[in-house]
């Protein structure tokens, strides 16, 4: 089991959701976040170093069984890119091992709970 965490542009959320649904990935969690990556270095304004503002993004978390990792990642990659080559600020995908998953309603565990 894996936990896939993707941080993407807010404007790409609908496209990513549609791509996931097309690939039968329907159970996702979405959180609005803000952060700063490589979009812009700190500027010097009137002799003072000015740190850039935080950029609004969307964080998507998806718990998947191992056989769905590549399908999920590829769907996100295709839908989240700004153009065919991508652009700074398109986001990142993190894949973590998921030690356990428990469905509260039925108390199922592991792959069945996902």
C-alpha atoms as a PDB file:
ATOM      1  CA  UNK A   1       0.000   0.000   0.000  1.00  0.00           C
ATOM      2  CA  UNK A   2       1.195   3.501  -0.822  1.00  0.00           C
ATOM      3  CA  UNK A   3       0.138   7.027   0.020  1.00  0.00           C
ATOM      4  CA  UNK A   4       0.438   9.336  -2.978  1.00  0.00           C
ATOM      5  CA  UNK A   5       0.590  13.022  -2.123  1.00  0.00           C
ATOM      6  CA  UNK A   6       0.482  15.534  -4.956  1.00  0.00           C
ATOM      7  CA  UNK A   7       0.778  19.288  -4.637  1.00  0.00           C
ATOM      8  CA  UNK A   8      -0.572  20.976  -7.755  1.00  0.00           C
ATOM      9  CA  UNK A   9      -1.843  24.305  -9.060  1.00  0.00           C
ATOM     10  CA  UNK A  10      -5.400  25.163  -7.976  1.00  0.00           C
ATOM     11  CA  UNK A  11      -6.370  25.701 -11.601  1.00  0.00           C
ATOM     12  CA  UNK A  12      -5.470  22.083 -12.450  1.00  0.00           C
ATOM     13  CA  UNK A  13      -7.627  20.429  -9.779  1.00  0.00           C
ATOM     14  CA  UNK A  14     -10.612  19.661 -12.029  1.00  0.00           C
ATOM     15  CA  UNK A  15      -8.389  18.232 -14.770  1.00  0.00           C
ATOM     16  CA  UNK A  16      -6.539  16.026 -12.284  1.00  0.00           C
ATOM     17  CA  UNK A  17      -9.796  14.791 -10.713  1.00  0.00           C
ATOM     18  CA  UNK A  18     -11.203  13.937 -14.149  1.00  0.00           C
ATOM     19  CA  UNK A  19      -8.002  12.069 -15.091  1.00  0.00           C
ATOM     20  CA  UNK A  20      -8.122  10.102 -11.840  1.00  0.00           C
ATOM     21  CA  UNK A  21     -11.800   9.224 -12.295  1.00  0.00           C
ATOM     22  CA  UNK A  22     -11.109   8.051 -15.870  1.00  0.00           C
ATOM     23  CA  UNK A  23      -8.562   5.658 -14.353  1.00  0.00           C
ATOM     24  CA  UNK A  24     -11.049   4.459 -11.709  1.00  0.00           C
ATOM     25  CA  UNK A  25      -9.323   6.313  -8.854  1.00  0.00           C
ATOM     26  CA  UNK A  26     -12.250   7.879  -7.021  1.00  0.00           C
ATOM     27  CA  UNK A  27     -11.274   8.000  -3.348  1.00  0.00           C
ATOM     28  CA  UNK A  28      -9.199  11.110  -2.775  1.00  0.00           C
ATOM     29  CA  UNK A  29      -8.682  13.773  -0.134  1.00  0.00           C
ATOM     30  CA  UNK A  30      -8.121  17.393  -1.121  1.00  0.00           C
ATOM     31  CA  UNK A  31      -6.714  20.150   1.084  1.00  0.00           C
ATOM     32  CA  UNK A  32      -6.068  23.779   0.141  1.00  0.00           C
ATOM     33  CA  UNK A  33      -2.500  24.723   1.070  1.00  0.00           C
ATOM     34  CA  UNK A  34       0.021  27.443   0.310  1.00  0.00           C
ATOM     35  CA  UNK A  35       3.743  27.268  -0.101  1.00  0.00           C
ATOM     36  CA  UNK A  36       6.774  28.407  -1.987  1.00  0.00           C
ATOM     37  CA  UNK A  37       8.983  26.460  -4.345  1.00  0.00           C
ATOM     38  CA  UNK A  38      11.223  27.544  -7.207  1.00  0.00           C
ATOM     39  CA  UNK A  39       8.776  30.051  -8.654  1.00  0.00           C
ATOM     40  CA  UNK A  40      10.833  33.105  -7.764  1.00  0.00           C
ATOM     41  CA  UNK A  41      13.957  33.876  -5.786  1.00  0.00           C
ATOM     42  CA  UNK A  42      13.992  36.578  -3.121  1.00  0.00           C
ATOM     43  CA  UNK A  43      14.159  40.069  -4.637  1.00  0.00           C
ATOM     44  CA  UNK A  44      16.004  43.147  -3.548  1.00  0.00           C
ATOM     45  CA  UNK A  45      13.579  46.081  -3.322  1.00  0.00           C
ATOM     46  CA  UNK A  46      14.924  49.487  -2.256  1.00  0.00           C
ATOM     47  CA  UNK A  47      17.983  47.809  -0.805  1.00  0.00           C
ATOM     48  CA  UNK A  48      15.980  45.361   1.268  1.00  0.00           C
ATOM     49  CA  UNK A  49      15.624  41.628   0.656  1.00  0.00           C
ATOM     50  CA  UNK A  50      11.941  40.805   0.056  1.00  0.00           C
ATOM     51  CA  UNK A  51      10.784  37.206   0.367  1.00  0.00           C
ATOM     52  CA  UNK A  52       8.125  36.202  -2.201  1.00  0.00           C
ATOM     53  CA  UNK A  53       4.568  35.538  -1.101  1.00  0.00           C
ATOM     54  CA  UNK A  54       3.264  32.035  -0.560  1.00  0.00           C
ATOM     55  CA  UNK A  55       1.431  30.605  -3.554  1.00  0.00           C
ATOM     56  CA  UNK A  56      -1.976  28.933  -3.133  1.00  0.00           C
ATOM     57  CA  UNK A  57      -1.887  25.256  -4.144  1.00  0.00           C
ATOM     58  CA  UNK A  58      -3.960  22.116  -3.695  1.00  0.00           C
ATOM     59  CA  UNK A  59      -2.707  19.020  -1.884  1.00  0.00           C
ATOM     60  CA  UNK A  60      -4.209  15.714  -2.995  1.00  0.00           C
ATOM     61  CA  UNK A  61      -3.778  12.564  -0.923  1.00  0.00           C
ATOM     62  CA  UNK A  62      -4.640   9.163  -2.343  1.00  0.00           C
ATOM     63  CA  UNK A  63      -4.126   5.811  -0.628  1.00  0.00           C
ATOM     64  CA  UNK A  64      -3.716   3.071  -3.229  1.00  0.00           C
ATOM     65  CA  UNK A  65      -2.838  -0.579  -3.463  1.00  0.00           C
ATOM     66  CA  UNK A  66       0.546  -1.238  -5.074  1.00  0.00           C
ATOM     67  CA  UNK A  67      -0.898  -2.122  -8.492  1.00  0.00           C
ATOM     68  CA  UNK A  68      -2.495   1.353  -8.779  1.00  0.00           C
ATOM     69  CA  UNK A  69       0.617   3.441  -8.032  1.00  0.00           C
ATOM     70  CA  UNK A  70       1.807   3.881 -11.642  1.00  0.00           C
ATOM     71  CA  UNK A  71      -1.734   4.425 -12.939  1.00  0.00           C
ATOM     72  CA  UNK A  72      -2.364   7.133 -10.345  1.00  0.00           C
ATOM     73  CA  UNK A  73       0.978   8.894 -10.802  1.00  0.00           C
ATOM     74  CA  UNK A  74       0.691   8.903 -14.605  1.00  0.00           C
ATOM     75  CA  UNK A  75      -2.839  10.347 -14.445  1.00  0.00           C
ATOM     76  CA  UNK A  76      -1.652  13.169 -12.187  1.00  0.00           C
ATOM     77  CA  UNK A  77       1.419  13.862 -14.340  1.00  0.00           C
ATOM     78  CA  UNK A  78      -0.606  14.121 -17.540  1.00  0.00           C
ATOM     79  CA  UNK A  79      -3.297  16.372 -16.061  1.00  0.00           C
ATOM     80  CA  UNK A  80      -1.199  18.638 -13.808  1.00  0.00           C
ATOM     81  CA  UNK A  81       1.349  19.842 -16.371  1.00  0.00           C
ATOM     82  CA  UNK A  82       0.843  23.383 -17.672  1.00  0.00           C
ATOM     83  CA  UNK A  83       1.900  22.386 -21.187  1.00  0.00           C
ATOM     84  CA  UNK A  84       3.609  19.448 -22.904  1.00  0.00           C
ATOM     85  CA  UNK A  85       6.962  20.172 -21.256  1.00  0.00           C
ATOM     86  CA  UNK A  86       5.694  21.480 -17.916  1.00  0.00           C
ATOM     87  CA  UNK A  87       6.563  24.712 -16.140  1.00  0.00           C
ATOM     88  CA  UNK A  88       8.005  25.875 -12.854  1.00  0.00           C
ATOM     89  CA  UNK A  89       5.238  25.714 -10.258  1.00  0.00           C
ATOM     90  CA  UNK A  90       3.368  22.702 -11.686  1.00  0.00           C
ATOM     91  CA  UNK A  91       3.906  20.891  -8.395  1.00  0.00           C
ATOM     92  CA  UNK A  92       5.327  17.688  -6.980  1.00  0.00           C
ATOM     93  CA  UNK A  93       4.258  14.105  -6.301  1.00  0.00           C
ATOM     94  CA  UNK A  94       5.419  12.205  -3.232  1.00  0.00           C
ATOM     95  CA  UNK A  95       5.000   8.440  -2.808  1.00  0.00           C
ATOM     96  CA  UNK A  96       5.213   7.027   0.731  1.00  0.00           C
ATOM     97  CA  UNK A  97       4.842   3.567   2.132  1.00  0.00           C
ATOM     98  CA  UNK A  98       1.545   3.170   3.926  1.00  0.00           C
ATOM     99  CA  UNK A  99       1.978   0.935   6.923  1.00  0.00           C
ATOM    100  CA  UNK A 100      -1.688   0.266   7.629  1.00  0.00           C
ATOM    101  CA  UNK A 101      -5.159   1.376   6.625  1.00  0.00           C
ATOM    102  CA  UNK A 102      -8.270   0.769   8.711  1.00  0.00           C
ATOM    103  CA  UNK A 103     -11.816   1.505   7.572  1.00  0.00           C
ATOM    104  CA  UNK A 104     -13.586   2.811  10.670  1.00  0.00           C
ATOM    105  CA  UNK A 105     -17.100   1.705   9.687  1.00  0.00           C
ATOM    106  CA  UNK A 106     -16.295  -1.987   9.106  1.00  0.00           C
ATOM    107  CA  UNK A 107     -12.903  -2.245  10.837  1.00  0.00           C
ATOM    108  CA  UNK A 108     -11.461  -3.814   7.674  1.00  0.00           C
ATOM    109  CA  UNK A 109      -7.695  -3.465   7.410  1.00  0.00           C
ATOM    110  CA  UNK A 110      -5.020  -3.392   4.727  1.00  0.00           C
ATOM    111  CA  UNK A 111      -5.807  -3.621   1.017  1.00  0.00           C
ATOM    112  CA  UNK A 112      -9.500  -4.274   1.670  1.00  0.00           C
ATOM    113  CA  UNK A 113      -9.838  -0.981   3.548  1.00  0.00           C
ATOM    114  CA  UNK A 114      -8.454   1.072   0.689  1.00  0.00           C
END
